[in-house]
Amino acid sequence: MIVIIGQNPSTAKQRKNSTFDRLKKWTESVGLTSYDFINCSDEPGDKYEIDYDKLSATKKYKKVIALGGVASKALTKVGVRHFKMPHPSPRNRQLNDKQFESDMLYKMKEYLL
């Protein structure tokens, strides 16, 4: 039982090389074929409120992966142990460094074992 936690829905239209494209590439590369996905908030856009009750419910999962700082801080606030990945957004400049991305995927795979 694995859950991936995102921040909130985007207001942008889906496009090539989207956040979900990269997330799919990541999950496939580590052999993760079955997982649940939820956001910290169901509200799209820049103004949203984090649903801490929903995040507290993720304690039932064996493994929890946070995508980015917002998700990681929210999970920490409710006491959910998790592995923090960088946010897979095309705007995330850290991911321009392919070695950084490769190292993070290696660490993610180790966490999932």
Protein backbone atom coordinates (compact mmCIF):
# COMPACT_ATOMS: atom_id res chain seq x y z
CA MET A 1 0.00 0.00 0.00
CA ILE A 2 1.71 3.10 -1.33
CA VAL A 3 0.39 6.64 -1.66
CA ILE A 4 1.90 9.60 -3.47
CA ILE A 5 0.97 13.05 -2.14
CA GLY A 6 0.91 16.10 -4.39
CA GLN A 7 0.28 19.74 -3.58
CA ASN A 8 -2.94 20.71 -5.36
CA PRO A 9 -4.43 20.59 -8.87
CA SER A 10 -3.02 22.96 -11.44
CA THR A 11 -5.16 25.49 -13.27
CA ALA A 12 -3.07 24.98 -16.42
CA LYS A 13 -4.33 22.83 -19.25
CA GLN A 14 -2.61 19.49 -19.62
CA ARG A 15 0.30 19.74 -21.99
CA LYS A 16 3.19 17.70 -23.21
CA ASN A 17 5.88 17.17 -20.56
CA SER A 18 3.46 17.84 -17.73
CA THR A 19 3.97 17.07 -14.07
CA PHE A 20 2.02 13.82 -14.47
CA ASP A 21 4.15 12.78 -17.45
CA ARG A 22 7.27 13.05 -15.32
CA LEU A 23 5.62 11.32 -12.35
CA LYS A 24 4.57 8.45 -14.62
CA LYS A 25 8.13 8.18 -15.93
CA TRP A 26 9.45 8.10 -12.36
CA THR A 27 7.03 5.43 -11.15
CA GLU A 28 7.72 3.26 -14.17
CA SER A 29 11.48 3.61 -13.77
CA VAL A 30 11.35 2.31 -10.18
CA GLY A 31 8.85 -0.45 -11.02
CA LEU A 32 5.95 1.13 -9.12
CA THR A 33 2.81 -0.02 -10.89
CA SER A 34 0.17 0.29 -8.17
CA TYR A 35 -0.30 3.28 -5.89
CA ASP A 36 -2.88 5.78 -4.71
CA PHE A 37 -2.53 9.50 -5.37
CA ILE A 38 -4.00 12.40 -3.43
CA ASN A 39 -3.32 16.12 -3.19
CA CYS A 40 -2.92 18.15 -0.01
CA SER A 41 -5.80 20.24 -1.31
CA ASP A 42 -8.46 19.66 -3.93
CA GLU A 43 -8.56 23.40 -4.70
CA PRO A 44 -6.76 24.40 -7.92
CA GLY A 45 -4.62 27.50 -8.17
CA ASP A 46 -2.37 29.50 -5.88
CA LYS A 47 -4.87 29.97 -3.05
CA TYR A 48 -5.83 26.73 -1.34
CA GLU A 49 -6.25 25.22 2.09
CA ILE A 50 -4.50 22.00 3.02
CA ASP A 51 -6.82 19.19 4.14
CA TYR A 52 -4.90 17.94 7.18
CA ASP A 53 -7.60 15.41 8.07
CA LYS A 54 -7.21 13.75 4.67
CA LEU A 55 -3.44 13.70 5.09
CA SER A 56 -3.70 12.18 8.58
CA ALA A 57 -5.56 9.27 7.01
CA THR A 58 -2.43 8.39 5.01
CA LYS A 59 -0.90 6.89 8.17
CA LYS A 60 -2.52 3.60 7.13
CA TYR A 61 -0.18 3.31 4.13
CA LYS A 62 3.06 1.36 4.39
CA LYS A 63 4.92 3.89 2.23
CA VAL A 64 4.17 7.58 1.63
CA ILE A 65 5.92 9.72 -0.98
CA ALA A 66 5.65 13.51 -0.87
CA LEU A 67 6.09 15.49 -4.08
CA GLY A 68 7.77 18.73 -3.11
CA GLY A 69 8.09 20.90 -0.05
CA VAL A 70 4.42 21.77 0.49
CA ALA A 71 3.38 18.12 0.66
CA SER A 72 6.36 17.17 2.80
CA LYS A 73 5.77 19.98 5.34
CA ALA A 74 2.05 19.15 5.55
CA LEU A 75 2.77 15.46 6.16
CA THR A 76 5.34 16.35 8.81
CA LYS A 77 2.80 18.60 10.53
CA VAL A 78 0.34 15.68 10.90
CA GLY A 79 3.06 13.21 11.90
CA VAL A 80 3.12 11.06 8.76
CA ARG A 81 6.49 9.49 8.00
CA HIS A 82 7.32 9.88 4.33
CA PHE A 83 9.95 10.10 1.63
CA LYS A 84 10.34 13.51 0.02
CA MET A 85 10.86 13.70 -3.73
CA PRO A 86 11.30 16.95 -5.62
CA HIS A 87 8.13 18.26 -7.22
CA PRO A 88 7.99 16.80 -10.77
CA SER A 89 6.90 20.07 -12.36
CA PRO A 90 8.56 21.04 -15.65
CA ARG A 91 9.39 24.33 -13.89
CA ASN A 92 11.54 22.59 -11.26
CA ARG A 93 15.09 23.64 -12.21
CA GLN A 94 16.68 20.97 -9.99
CA LEU A 95 15.47 18.43 -12.51
CA ASN A 96 17.51 19.98 -15.31
CA ASP A 97 20.39 18.09 -13.71
CA LYS A 98 19.83 14.52 -14.91
CA GLN A 99 22.28 13.14 -12.34
CA PHE A 100 20.23 14.75 -9.54
CA GLU A 101 17.06 13.17 -10.94
CA SER A 102 18.77 9.79 -11.30
CA ASP A 103 20.05 9.95 -7.72
CA MET A 104 16.58 10.83 -6.39
CA LEU A 105 15.01 7.93 -8.27
CA TYR A 106 17.62 5.58 -6.83
CA LYS A 107 16.79 6.81 -3.31
CA MET A 108 13.06 6.46 -4.02
CA LYS A 109 13.54 2.88 -5.17
CA GLU A 110 15.55 2.10 -2.02
CA TYR A 111 12.79 3.61 0.13
CA LEU A 112 10.18 1.43 -1.54
CA LEU A 113 12.05 -1.82 -0.85
